[in-house]
Amino acid sequence: MYKYPYNGIADAKEVYDGFDTKISEFVKLHLKGYKPSGYAKNKVIHDPVWGTTLFYKWELKILDSPLLQRLRNISQLGLTMLTYPSAHHTRFEHTLGVMSVVTKMVHHINQDAEGQMISDEDFYTLRLAALLHDIGHCFCSHLSESIYGKLIEFAKLKKSYDIFKTAKAHEIFAYIIINTDEFQNFIKEEVVLWKPDLKYDKLFFEIGHIIVGANLPPERRGQELYEQKYYLTQIINGQYDADKLDYLRRDSYTAGLALTYDIDRFLYKIKIAEKHEITDDGKTVIGKHLAIPVTGISAVEEMAFSQLMLASYIYQHQKVLATDALIHDVVEGLTSNEKLSHPCDYLNYCDDDILGIYSENPDNDFKSKIANENFNSLTNKKMEDIVKRIKNRDLPKRAFAVNYSTIAKEYKKNYVVSDIADRLKKICKLREEICEVAKEISNSLPVKGHGGKKPIDIYDIHISIPKISIAKDLSNALVINNNDEFVSLSEIIRLSDWADAFAWHKWNAYVFSKVEVLPFVSIASKIVFERYNISFNEDTVFSNIKCADEIKEIIRYLKEHKKYPT
């Protein structure tokens, strides 16, 4: 049966079936009553990034389905539009863009090859994989993924099969969605693909592997000769994939940033190259890989640079991280109120559902059910309190930053930025500790002169420790050198060293707080981090905090009156 991946652990099917049951209900609910329009012919769709692309009749029927249309309500960049107002593009536009890039890549590869390198059958399969690659996304895209992907149930699913271990959470959801009986019955009955005798279960099994980044098995071409089409997966989920080519351009374009890479040169240079391998049992496998000649790596360097710049300017912008921290709190509240009990529950919500928790409309159904619930037993704040702040852009302010300029010189000699990030992430109750110390500081200060005795709630404090964003995924990209040999990109340019150095100077971990208690939270953050043996430069540690003078005055008062926490 084409559904379960190969190479699973002992109870892999049981774990998979638990998700399959829930996701089947999700698919059934979204496809209920949907009857595709009877498209008489193909049509074109226009895109501001890639221009005009032709879509086939079967693709349009899938695109019109509620399963795909829900992507219109899932922002590509979460709530980044609160910082970059024009960055309103969604997973739907991105999906169209990836389809366009796949089409351009296949066209250029076939044009360069002697004969048709990529068959029509593989071309249609690649386009279908592009169309479905983001079908598993939930609200706020990667932000929600970073939360449900760490849940115990999902961790078990990732470990259950080899192909899931390196896949992103939304890709695993996509795999399960397209391999449900409900989805495949819909395709058979309502869509009908490019030929009537297709084995749908095998097709979507293979597309699922492509989406999660797993290579398809070799195909026999002779008695001892096999062909393995690595490029099918690499075009959708690899170092040079269409997904990356689209988001690099689209994200920078909508944010209004002047970042670009030479896409025309890249498409002109990209090709499929063969690498012969002999298996242990003497069989010859012709591996066909997506690769670029050494003369085209300037375009790849530009891609890597764009990745780093986007991380610095957009993905890890302090205001974007502050907004993400608020959404984390909303998720925590939904979890404590049993709205998000299982990873599959996240599929039920799009961005508007989350933002709809706060609404001026008293008839808002979701609002009436959840808005007035407390987050949890630690606070009196209501669910709608945090969402209202998001919708009104009442974002928490930077209270403390851990970065290259604030860390002590001797500390920088002994640790790289990834070590510091890991150390911070291992502090289990960082938020609680900072809150307790901030309360102690506030209660130690007089009301007059220093604004003491202010109440501090744990949800007045927000922590953001972003991952180290580097372009190492491009380091292993295949390059064809001047001797027509395969080498990795890292053998030609030291991309990892470059990216690591960039990360050291651009990476920031933040503590945010509401303005009224910011000085107390700033001082408390430094004290708590120092308890965990992270040392700071006393001259610069508060230099980028707006109330730096007030902070220094409070520290002076606390030390003078022997009330400075240790």
Protein backbone atom coordinates (compact mmCIF):
# COMPACT_ATOMS: atom_id res chain seq x y z
CA MET A 1 0.00 0.00 0.00
CA TYR A 2 1.37 3.40 -0.99
CA LYS A 3 0.95 5.55 2.10
CA TYR A 4 3.41 4.67 4.82
CA PRO A 5 7.03 5.68 4.20
CA TYR A 6 9.74 3.01 4.24
CA ASN A 7 12.17 2.37 7.11
CA GLY A 8 10.03 3.05 10.14
CA ILE A 9 10.52 2.20 13.80
CA ALA A 10 8.58 -0.61 15.49
CA ASP A 11 5.37 1.34 16.18
CA ALA A 12 5.69 3.77 13.25
CA LYS A 13 2.37 2.87 11.63
CA GLU A 14 0.50 3.32 14.89
CA VAL A 15 2.00 6.78 15.36
CA TYR A 16 1.27 7.70 11.71
CA ASP A 17 -2.31 6.43 11.93
CA GLY A 18 -2.96 8.68 14.94
CA PHE A 19 -2.15 11.71 12.78
CA ASP A 20 -3.79 10.27 9.66
CA THR A 21 -7.13 9.91 11.46
CA LYS A 22 -7.17 13.53 12.62
CA ILE A 23 -5.89 14.93 9.33
CA SER A 24 -8.40 12.86 7.34
CA GLU A 25 -11.17 14.64 9.27
CA PHE A 26 -9.53 17.98 8.47
CA VAL A 27 -9.40 17.13 4.73
CA LYS A 28 -12.95 15.80 4.74
CA LEU A 29 -14.26 18.95 6.40
CA HIS A 30 -12.53 21.28 3.93
CA LEU A 31 -13.54 19.34 0.83
CA LYS A 32 -17.15 18.76 1.91
CA GLY A 33 -19.51 20.10 -0.74
CA TYR A 34 -16.73 21.37 -3.02
CA LYS A 35 -17.41 20.83 -6.70
CA PRO A 36 -14.69 22.17 -9.00
CA SER A 37 -15.60 24.47 -11.85
CA GLY A 38 -15.66 22.73 -15.19
CA TYR A 39 -12.65 24.41 -16.76
CA ALA A 40 -12.89 24.01 -20.53
CA LYS A 41 -9.30 25.08 -21.08
CA ASN A 42 -6.10 26.07 -19.35
CA LYS A 43 -5.69 29.64 -18.09
CA VAL A 44 -2.92 32.04 -17.19
CA ILE A 45 -2.29 33.71 -13.84
CA HIS A 46 -0.26 36.90 -13.50
CA ASP A 47 2.27 37.44 -10.74
CA PRO A 48 4.23 40.66 -10.02
CA VAL A 49 7.42 38.73 -9.28
CA TRP A 50 7.55 36.15 -12.08
CA GLY A 51 5.10 37.40 -14.69
CA THR A 52 2.55 35.19 -16.44
CA THR A 53 2.30 31.42 -15.91
CA LEU A 54 0.04 28.89 -17.61
CA PHE A 55 -1.97 26.61 -15.30
CA TYR A 56 -3.50 23.34 -16.49
CA LYS A 57 -7.17 22.46 -15.95
CA TRP A 58 -6.49 19.85 -13.26
CA GLU A 59 -4.22 22.27 -11.39
CA LEU A 60 -6.90 24.95 -11.38
CA LYS A 61 -9.43 22.55 -9.86
CA ILE A 62 -7.03 21.75 -7.01
CA LEU A 63 -6.07 25.42 -6.66
CA ASP A 64 -9.72 26.41 -6.27
CA SER A 65 -10.30 23.85 -3.51
CA PRO A 66 -10.75 25.09 0.09
CA LEU A 67 -7.60 23.19 1.05
CA LEU A 68 -5.53 25.49 -1.16
CA GLN A 69 -7.67 28.60 -0.81
CA ARG A 70 -7.06 28.57 2.98
CA LEU A 71 -3.45 29.51 2.13
CA ARG A 72 -4.77 32.97 1.17
CA ASN A 73 -5.33 33.49 4.89
CA ILE A 74 -1.89 32.35 6.04
CA SER A 75 0.76 35.04 5.78
CA GLN A 76 4.08 34.01 4.27
CA LEU A 77 5.95 36.08 6.86
CA GLY A 78 3.65 35.78 9.84
CA LEU A 79 2.90 39.25 11.21
CA THR A 80 5.89 40.92 9.60
CA MET A 81 3.52 43.42 7.98
CA LEU A 82 3.38 45.19 11.36
CA THR A 83 7.01 46.15 10.70
CA TYR A 84 7.08 46.11 6.87
CA PRO A 85 3.55 47.26 5.92
CA SER A 86 3.66 46.01 2.34
CA ALA A 87 4.78 42.46 3.28
CA HIS A 88 1.23 41.13 3.12
CA HIS A 89 1.85 38.26 0.74
CA THR A 90 0.48 34.87 1.68
CA ARG A 91 1.32 31.21 1.21
CA PHE A 92 -1.07 31.24 -1.73
CA GLU A 93 0.96 33.75 -3.76
CA HIS A 94 4.14 31.92 -2.79
CA THR A 95 2.64 28.65 -4.05
CA LEU A 96 1.89 30.26 -7.42
CA GLY A 97 5.42 31.61 -7.46
CA VAL A 98 7.00 28.22 -6.83
CA MET A 99 4.91 26.81 -9.70
CA SER A 100 6.25 29.55 -11.95
CA VAL A 101 9.87 28.91 -10.95
CA VAL A 102 9.53 25.15 -11.47
CA THR A 103 8.18 25.83 -14.95
CA LYS A 104 11.09 28.15 -15.77
CA MET A 105 13.67 25.71 -14.38
CA VAL A 106 12.36 22.76 -16.37
CA HIS A 107 12.13 24.87 -19.53
CA HIS A 108 15.75 26.05 -19.24
CA ILE A 109 17.06 22.57 -18.34
CA ASN A 110 15.32 20.96 -21.31
CA GLN A 111 16.44 23.77 -23.58
CA ASP A 112 20.06 23.22 -22.54
CA ALA A 113 19.95 19.41 -22.78
CA GLU A 114 20.25 17.36 -25.93
CA GLY A 115 16.70 16.08 -26.15
CA GLN A 116 14.08 16.24 -23.40
CA MET A 117 15.90 15.74 -20.11
CA ILE A 118 12.75 16.11 -17.98
CA SER A 119 9.74 14.26 -19.46
CA ASP A 120 6.23 15.67 -19.57
CA GLU A 121 5.22 13.12 -16.91
CA ASP A 122 7.95 14.34 -14.53
CA PHE A 123 7.15 17.95 -15.38
CA TYR A 124 3.51 17.51 -14.38
CA THR A 125 4.59 15.71 -11.21
CA LEU A 126 6.96 18.53 -10.28
CA ARG A 127 4.27 21.16 -10.83
CA LEU A 128 1.83 19.18 -8.69
CA ALA A 129 4.48 18.91 -5.94
CA ALA A 130 4.99 22.68 -6.16
CA LEU A 131 1.23 23.26 -5.94
CA LEU A 132 0.94 21.08 -2.82
CA HIS A 133 4.24 21.72 -1.04
CA ASP A 134 2.76 24.27 1.44
CA ILE A 135 -0.66 22.68 1.91
CA GLY A 136 0.31 21.70 5.47
CA HIS A 137 1.00 25.21 6.75
CA CYS A 138 -0.91 26.55 9.76
CA PHE A 139 -1.48 30.08 11.07
CA CYS A 140 1.48 32.49 10.87
CA SER A 141 3.44 29.95 8.82
CA HIS A 142 6.80 29.03 10.34
CA LEU A 143 5.96 30.67 13.67
CA SER A 144 3.24 28.13 14.53
CA GLU A 145 5.39 25.39 13.02
CA SER A 146 8.18 26.23 15.47
CA ILE A 147 5.72 25.55 18.32
CA TYR A 148 3.73 22.46 17.32
CA GLY A 149 6.86 20.93 15.78
CA LYS A 150 8.33 20.65 19.30
CA LEU A 151 5.31 18.95 20.86
CA ILE A 152 5.80 15.41 22.16
CA GLU A 153 3.33 13.86 19.71
CA PHE A 154 4.99 15.51 16.73
CA ALA A 155 8.47 14.55 17.94
CA LYS A 156 7.31 10.92 17.94
CA LEU A 157 6.03 11.30 14.39
CA LYS A 158 9.33 12.78 13.18
CA LYS A 159 11.22 9.86 14.69
CA SER A 160 8.83 7.26 13.32
CA TYR A 161 10.16 7.26 9.73
CA ASP A 162 13.59 8.05 8.33
CA ILE A 163 12.27 10.48 5.69
CA PHE A 164 10.59 12.64 8.36
CA LYS A 165 13.66 13.16 10.54
CA THR A 166 15.06 16.08 8.54
CA ALA A 167 11.75 17.37 7.15
CA LYS A 168 10.07 20.57 8.31
CA ALA A 169 6.87 20.12 10.30
CA HIS A 170 4.57 21.59 7.63
CA GLU A 171 6.12 19.29 5.01
CA ILE A 172 5.21 16.26 7.12
CA PHE A 173 1.66 17.57 7.42
CA ALA A 174 1.60 18.00 3.62
CA TYR A 175 2.78 14.40 3.16
CA ILE A 176 -0.03 13.06 5.33
CA ILE A 177 -2.70 15.34 3.81
CA ILE A 178 -2.07 14.28 0.21
CA ASN A 179 -1.85 10.61 1.18
CA THR A 180 -5.22 10.50 2.95
CA ASP A 181 -7.96 8.49 1.28
CA GLU A 182 -10.17 11.60 1.35
CA PHE A 183 -7.72 13.70 -0.66
CA GLN A 184 -6.97 11.00 -3.23
CA ASN A 185 -10.66 10.16 -3.70
CA PHE A 186 -11.29 13.84 -4.34
CA ILE A 187 -8.58 13.88 -7.04
CA LYS A 188 -9.93 10.70 -8.67
CA GLU A 189 -13.57 11.75 -8.64
CA GLU A 190 -13.51 15.51 -9.09
CA VAL A 191 -10.21 16.47 -10.73
CA VAL A 192 -8.79 13.76 -13.04
CA LEU A 193 -5.12 14.38 -13.78
CA TRP A 194 -3.23 14.38 -17.07
CA LYS A 195 -4.02 10.77 -17.97
CA PRO A 196 -6.80 8.43 -16.79
CA ASP A 197 -4.67 5.38 -15.93
CA LEU A 198 -2.49 7.08 -13.30
CA LYS A 199 -1.90 5.16 -10.09
CA TYR A 200 -2.92 7.93 -7.71
CA ASP A 201 -1.68 6.29 -4.53
CA LYS A 202 1.79 5.78 -6.04
CA LEU A 203 1.86 9.31 -7.50
CA PHE A 204 1.04 11.07 -4.23
CA PHE A 205 3.32 8.73 -2.30
CA GLU A 206 6.15 9.93 -4.54
CA ILE A 207 5.07 13.59 -4.38
CA GLY A 208 5.00 13.28 -0.60
CA HIS A 209 8.61 12.07 -0.64
CA ILE A 210 9.58 14.97 -2.89
CA ILE A 211 7.92 17.51 -0.56
CA VAL A 212 9.70 16.22 2.57
CA GLY A 213 13.04 16.19 0.74
CA ALA A 214 13.43 12.41 0.35
CA ASN A 215 14.92 10.91 -2.81
CA LEU A 216 12.82 8.50 -4.87
CA PRO A 217 14.17 4.95 -5.38
CA PRO A 218 16.12 4.10 -8.57
CA GLU A 219 14.24 2.96 -11.66
CA ARG A 220 15.44 -0.03 -13.67
CA ARG A 221 16.83 0.83 -17.11
CA GLY A 222 18.50 -2.53 -17.91
CA GLN A 223 19.49 -5.82 -16.32
CA GLU A 224 22.13 -4.24 -14.08
CA LEU A 225 21.47 -0.59 -14.92
CA TYR A 226 19.36 1.82 -12.86
CA GLU A 227 18.54 5.51 -13.04
CA GLN A 228 17.92 7.65 -9.96
CA LYS A 229 16.26 11.02 -10.51
CA TYR A 230 17.62 12.99 -7.59
CA TYR A 231 16.66 16.18 -9.40
CA LEU A 232 12.93 15.58 -8.85
CA THR A 233 13.36 16.14 -5.12
CA GLN A 234 16.13 18.72 -5.53
CA ILE A 235 13.95 21.03 -7.66
CA ILE A 236 11.28 21.16 -4.92
CA ASN A 237 13.28 20.63 -1.71
CA GLY A 238 17.02 20.99 -2.18
CA GLN A 239 19.83 23.50 -2.15
CA TYR A 240 18.78 25.12 -5.44
CA ASP A 241 15.04 24.54 -5.04
CA ALA A 242 12.22 26.59 -6.51
CA ASP A 243 10.90 27.32 -3.01
CA LYS A 244 14.06 29.21 -2.10
CA LEU A 245 14.24 30.99 -5.45
CA ASP A 246 10.73 32.34 -4.92
CA TYR A 247 10.84 33.40 -1.28
CA LEU A 248 14.20 35.17 -1.67
CA ARG A 249 12.70 37.39 -4.35
CA ARG A 250 9.15 37.66 -3.03
CA ASP A 251 9.99 38.44 0.59
CA SER A 252 12.48 41.16 -0.28
CA TYR A 253 10.23 42.57 -3.01
CA THR A 254 7.16 42.96 -0.78
CA ALA A 255 9.21 44.33 2.11
CA GLY A 256 10.65 46.97 -0.19
CA LEU A 257 14.26 45.85 0.23
CA ALA A 258 16.71 46.21 -2.65
CA LEU A 259 17.94 42.61 -2.45
CA THR A 260 18.25 40.51 -5.56
CA TYR A 261 20.19 37.74 -7.25
CA ASP A 262 20.80 37.14 -10.93
CA ILE A 263 17.92 34.75 -11.61
CA ASP A 264 18.44 34.85 -15.38
CA ARG A 265 22.07 33.78 -15.03
CA PHE A 266 21.11 31.12 -12.50
CA LEU A 267 18.43 29.64 -14.78
CA TYR A 268 20.81 29.79 -17.73
CA LYS A 269 23.47 27.85 -15.81
CA ILE A 270 21.43 25.30 -13.83
CA LYS A 271 21.45 21.81 -15.33
CA ILE A 272 21.05 18.11 -14.63
CA ALA A 273 24.35 16.27 -14.48
CA GLU A 274 25.01 12.54 -14.18
CA LYS A 275 27.07 10.75 -11.57
CA HIS A 276 27.61 6.98 -11.95
CA GLU A 277 27.57 4.89 -8.79
CA ILE A 278 28.25 1.17 -8.31
CA THR A 279 26.18 -0.50 -5.59
CA ASP A 280 27.50 -3.20 -3.25
CA ASP A 281 25.80 -5.89 -5.34
CA GLY A 282 27.46 -4.67 -8.56
CA LYS A 283 24.59 -2.69 -10.06
CA THR A 284 25.25 0.57 -11.87
CA VAL A 285 23.11 3.51 -10.83
CA ILE A 286 23.09 6.64 -12.96
CA GLY A 287 22.37 9.41 -10.49
CA LYS A 288 20.93 12.53 -12.08
CA HIS A 289 21.50 15.63 -9.94
CA LEU A 290 20.60 19.29 -10.12
CA ALA A 291 23.92 21.12 -10.33
CA ILE A 292 25.53 24.33 -11.49
CA PRO A 293 28.91 24.78 -13.25
CA VAL A 294 31.62 26.68 -11.45
CA THR A 295 31.09 29.56 -13.88
CA GLY A 296 27.63 30.13 -12.41
CA ILE A 297 28.42 30.24 -8.69
CA SER A 298 28.31 34.03 -8.57
CA ALA A 299 24.52 33.73 -8.76
CA VAL A 300 24.61 31.22 -5.88
CA GLU A 301 26.77 33.58 -3.82
CA GLU A 302 24.16 36.28 -4.37
CA MET A 303 21.46 33.86 -3.17
CA ALA A 304 23.43 33.12 0.00
CA PHE A 305 23.96 36.82 0.62
CA SER A 306 20.24 37.49 0.12
CA GLN A 307 19.41 34.77 2.68
CA LEU A 308 21.67 36.41 5.25
CA MET A 309 20.30 39.88 4.56
CA LEU A 310 16.69 38.72 4.78
CA ALA A 311 17.41 37.08 8.12
CA SER A 312 18.96 40.28 9.43
CA TYR A 313 16.50 42.78 7.98
CA ILE A 314 13.23 40.82 8.17
CA TYR A 315 13.12 37.44 9.88
CA GLN A 316 15.14 38.55 12.91
CA HIS A 317 14.21 42.22 13.02
CA GLN A 318 13.59 43.10 16.67
CA LYS A 319 10.00 44.27 16.05
CA VAL A 320 9.21 41.11 14.11
CA LEU A 321 10.59 39.03 16.99
CA ALA A 322 8.60 41.08 19.52
CA THR A 323 5.39 40.37 17.58
CA ASP A 324 6.28 36.68 17.32
CA ALA A 325 6.74 36.59 21.09
CA LEU A 326 3.18 37.85 21.55
CA ILE A 327 1.85 35.15 19.22
CA HIS A 328 3.74 32.56 21.28
CA ASP A 329 1.75 33.79 24.27
CA VAL A 330 -1.51 33.48 22.35
CA VAL A 331 -0.62 29.89 21.47
CA GLU A 332 0.18 29.20 25.11
CA GLY A 333 -3.22 30.59 26.08
CA LEU A 334 -5.02 28.48 23.45
CA THR A 335 -3.14 25.44 24.71
CA SER A 336 -4.03 26.03 28.35
CA ASN A 337 -7.66 26.51 27.26
CA GLU A 338 -7.58 23.19 25.38
CA LYS A 339 -8.06 24.71 21.91
CA LEU A 340 -4.66 23.38 20.83
CA SER A 341 -4.33 19.98 22.49
CA HIS A 342 -2.67 18.12 19.59
CA PRO A 343 -0.39 19.24 16.73
CA CYS A 344 -3.19 18.57 14.21
CA ASP A 345 -5.38 21.14 16.00
CA TYR A 346 -3.13 23.87 14.55
CA LEU A 347 -4.44 23.04 11.07
CA ASN A 348 -7.87 24.30 12.09
CA TYR A 349 -6.74 27.91 12.44
CA CYS A 350 -5.58 30.55 9.98
CA ASP A 351 -4.27 34.04 10.76
CA ASP A 352 -7.71 35.66 10.93
CA ASP A 353 -8.88 33.10 13.48
CA ILE A 354 -6.05 34.02 15.83
CA LEU A 355 -6.45 37.77 15.34
CA GLY A 356 -10.21 37.34 15.64
CA ILE A 357 -9.84 36.50 19.33
CA TYR A 358 -10.04 40.26 19.83
CA SER A 359 -12.89 41.85 17.92
CA GLU A 360 -15.16 44.83 18.33
CA ASN A 361 -17.94 42.64 16.95
CA PRO A 362 -19.80 41.07 19.91
CA ASP A 363 -21.19 38.35 17.63
CA ASN A 364 -17.74 37.01 16.78
CA ASP A 365 -18.15 33.32 17.63
CA PHE A 366 -14.51 32.55 18.36
CA LYS A 367 -14.18 35.71 20.43
CA SER A 368 -17.15 34.79 22.61
CA LYS A 369 -15.73 31.35 23.32
CA ILE A 370 -12.12 32.19 24.11
CA ALA A 371 -11.46 35.94 24.35
CA ASN A 372 -12.36 36.35 28.01
CA GLU A 373 -10.55 33.23 29.20
CA ASN A 374 -7.44 33.67 31.34
CA PHE A 375 -4.15 32.64 29.78
CA ASN A 376 -3.40 30.33 32.67
CA SER A 377 -3.16 30.25 36.46
CA LEU A 378 -0.03 32.47 36.48
CA THR A 379 -1.82 35.62 35.33
CA ASN A 380 -5.08 37.55 35.31
CA LYS A 381 -4.59 38.61 31.69
CA LYS A 382 -7.28 37.58 29.21
CA MET A 383 -6.71 36.05 25.79
CA GLU A 384 -8.02 39.15 24.07
CA ASP A 385 -5.59 41.41 25.98
CA ILE A 386 -2.58 40.10 24.06
CA VAL A 387 -4.36 39.92 20.70
CA LYS A 388 -5.60 43.48 21.11
CA ARG A 389 -1.98 44.57 21.57
CA ILE A 390 -1.02 42.83 18.34
CA LYS A 391 -3.87 44.34 16.33
CA ASN A 392 -3.15 47.81 17.70
CA ARG A 393 0.59 47.32 17.23
CA ASP A 394 1.17 47.92 20.94
CA LEU A 395 4.37 45.90 20.86
CA PRO A 396 6.70 45.28 23.81
CA LYS A 397 9.92 47.29 23.83
CA ARG A 398 13.50 46.07 23.91
CA ALA A 399 14.63 45.74 27.51
CA PHE A 400 17.82 43.76 27.00
CA ALA A 401 19.90 42.35 24.15
CA VAL A 402 22.52 39.63 24.10
CA ASN A 403 24.75 40.25 21.11
CA TYR A 404 28.31 40.82 19.96
CA SER A 405 28.50 44.36 21.39
CA THR A 406 26.98 43.61 24.81
CA ILE A 407 28.91 40.41 25.59
CA ALA A 408 32.20 40.81 27.47
CA LYS A 409 35.39 40.63 25.45
CA GLU A 410 36.82 37.63 27.32
CA TYR A 411 33.55 35.77 26.92
CA LYS A 412 33.62 36.24 23.14
CA LYS A 413 37.05 34.63 23.04
CA ASN A 414 35.76 31.40 24.57
CA TYR A 415 32.36 31.02 22.91
CA VAL A 416 30.87 31.28 19.45
CA VAL A 417 27.39 32.66 18.94
CA SER A 418 25.80 29.21 18.59
CA ASP A 419 27.16 28.24 22.03
CA ILE A 420 25.59 31.33 23.58
CA ALA A 421 22.25 30.68 21.87
CA ASP A 422 22.25 27.08 23.10
CA ARG A 423 23.09 28.17 26.63
CA LEU A 424 20.21 30.66 26.68
CA LYS A 425 17.74 28.10 25.33
CA LYS A 426 18.67 25.65 28.09
CA ILE A 427 17.55 28.04 30.83
CA CYS A 428 14.22 26.35 31.55
CA LYS A 429 12.44 29.11 33.49
CA LEU A 430 14.18 32.19 32.12
CA ARG A 431 11.00 34.25 31.89
CA GLU A 432 9.89 33.34 35.41
CA GLU A 433 13.31 34.15 36.86
CA ILE A 434 13.50 37.55 35.16
CA CYS A 435 9.97 38.33 36.35
CA GLU A 436 10.79 37.48 39.97
CA VAL A 437 13.96 39.59 40.00
CA ALA A 438 12.16 42.49 38.28
CA LYS A 439 9.46 42.35 40.97
CA GLU A 440 12.15 42.40 43.66
CA ILE A 441 13.76 45.47 42.08
CA SER A 442 10.43 47.26 41.69
CA ASN A 443 9.46 46.58 45.30
CA SER A 444 12.87 47.80 46.51
CA LEU A 445 12.47 51.24 44.93
CA PRO A 446 10.54 54.24 46.25
CA VAL A 447 7.55 55.39 44.23
CA LYS A 448 8.82 58.95 44.06
CA GLY A 449 11.91 59.48 41.97
CA HIS A 450 12.32 55.90 40.77
CA GLY A 451 8.76 54.76 40.02
CA GLY A 452 8.94 51.71 42.24
CA LYS A 453 6.20 49.45 43.61
CA LYS A 454 4.79 48.77 40.12
CA PRO A 455 3.10 45.40 39.63
CA ILE A 456 4.83 43.14 37.12
CA ASP A 457 3.04 40.26 35.42
CA ILE A 458 4.92 37.41 33.78
CA TYR A 459 3.14 38.31 30.52
CA ASP A 460 4.64 41.80 30.68
CA ILE A 461 7.92 40.08 29.77
CA HIS A 462 8.73 38.37 26.49
CA ILE A 463 11.81 36.37 25.48
CA SER A 464 13.12 35.83 21.95
CA ILE A 465 16.13 33.61 21.27
CA PRO A 466 16.18 33.16 17.47
CA LYS A 467 18.07 30.39 15.75
CA ILE A 468 21.46 31.11 14.26
CA SER A 469 20.55 32.03 10.70
CA ILE A 470 23.30 31.02 8.31
CA ALA A 471 23.42 29.80 4.73
CA LYS A 472 24.96 26.40 5.48
CA ASP A 473 22.24 24.62 3.54
CA LEU A 474 23.91 25.96 0.38
CA SER A 475 27.36 24.72 1.45
CA ASN A 476 26.65 21.20 0.19
CA ALA A 477 25.09 22.37 -3.06
CA LEU A 478 26.53 20.52 -6.05
CA VAL A 479 28.90 22.33 -8.38
CA ILE A 480 30.55 20.97 -11.53
CA ASN A 481 34.20 22.03 -11.58
CA ASN A 482 36.37 22.66 -14.62
CA ASN A 483 37.21 18.94 -14.78
CA ASP A 484 33.51 18.04 -15.01
CA GLU A 485 33.60 16.59 -11.50
CA PHE A 486 31.03 17.01 -8.74
CA VAL A 487 32.22 19.08 -5.78
CA SER A 488 30.33 20.80 -3.01
CA LEU A 489 30.05 24.58 -3.04
CA SER A 490 32.01 24.73 0.24
CA GLU A 491 35.07 23.34 -1.59
CA ILE A 492 35.11 26.41 -3.80
CA ILE A 493 33.99 29.20 -1.48
CA ARG A 494 34.09 29.18 2.35
CA LEU A 495 30.43 29.96 2.68
CA SER A 496 30.12 28.61 6.24
CA ASP A 497 32.93 30.79 7.56
CA TRP A 498 31.43 33.81 5.89
CA ALA A 499 27.97 33.01 7.26
CA ASP A 500 29.27 32.31 10.78
CA ALA A 501 31.09 35.63 10.89
CA PHE A 502 27.98 37.40 9.68
CA ALA A 503 25.85 35.65 12.31
CA TRP A 504 28.23 36.70 15.11
CA HIS A 505 27.77 40.37 14.30
CA LYS A 506 24.06 40.29 13.41
CA TRP A 507 22.49 37.79 15.80
CA ASN A 508 20.55 39.10 18.80
CA ALA A 509 18.65 37.46 21.63
CA TYR A 510 16.12 39.84 23.19
CA VAL A 511 14.14 40.39 26.35
CA PHE A 512 11.14 42.62 25.69
CA SER A 513 8.77 44.24 28.16
CA LYS A 514 6.01 46.81 28.42
CA VAL A 515 7.30 50.37 28.77
CA GLU A 516 6.10 50.95 32.35
CA VAL A 517 8.41 48.30 33.83
CA LEU A 518 11.19 48.32 31.24
CA PRO A 519 14.06 49.55 33.52
CA PHE A 520 13.31 46.86 36.10
CA VAL A 521 13.19 44.13 33.46
CA SER A 522 16.44 45.38 31.90
CA ILE A 523 18.36 45.14 35.16
CA ALA A 524 16.71 41.83 36.07
CA SER A 525 17.71 40.34 32.70
CA LYS A 526 21.37 41.15 33.23
CA ILE A 527 21.31 39.71 36.74
CA VAL A 528 19.65 36.47 35.65
CA PHE A 529 21.97 35.94 32.66
CA GLU A 530 24.99 36.51 34.88
CA ARG A 531 23.70 33.80 37.22
CA TYR A 532 24.19 31.46 34.29
CA ASN A 533 27.79 32.64 33.80
CA ILE A 534 27.20 34.90 30.81
CA SER A 535 29.33 38.00 31.26
CA PHE A 536 28.73 41.43 29.73
CA ASN A 537 30.60 44.56 28.77
CA GLU A 538 29.59 47.06 31.47
CA ASP A 539 30.15 50.00 29.10
CA THR A 540 27.81 48.75 26.38
CA VAL A 541 25.35 46.37 28.03
CA PHE A 542 22.57 49.00 28.33
CA SER A 543 23.76 51.38 25.62
CA ASN A 544 21.01 50.47 23.13
CA ILE A 545 18.18 50.63 25.68
CA LYS A 546 16.19 53.86 25.43
CA CYS A 547 16.07 54.43 29.20
CA ALA A 548 19.78 53.67 29.74
CA ASP A 549 20.30 56.70 32.04
CA GLU A 550 17.34 55.74 34.20
CA ILE A 551 18.66 52.17 34.42
CA LYS A 552 22.07 53.36 35.63
CA GLU A 553 20.46 55.60 38.21
CA ILE A 554 18.34 52.72 39.55
CA ILE A 555 21.41 50.47 39.76
CA ARG A 556 23.28 53.19 41.65
CA TYR A 557 20.39 53.55 44.12
CA LEU A 558 20.07 49.79 44.66
CA LYS A 559 23.78 49.34 45.31
CA GLU A 560 23.97 52.40 47.54
CA HIS A 561 21.11 51.06 49.70
CA LYS A 562 22.41 47.46 49.52
CA LYS A 563 19.27 46.25 47.72
CA TYR A 564 20.86 45.13 44.46
CA PRO A 565 19.77 41.50 43.81
CA THR A 566 22.45 38.86 43.40
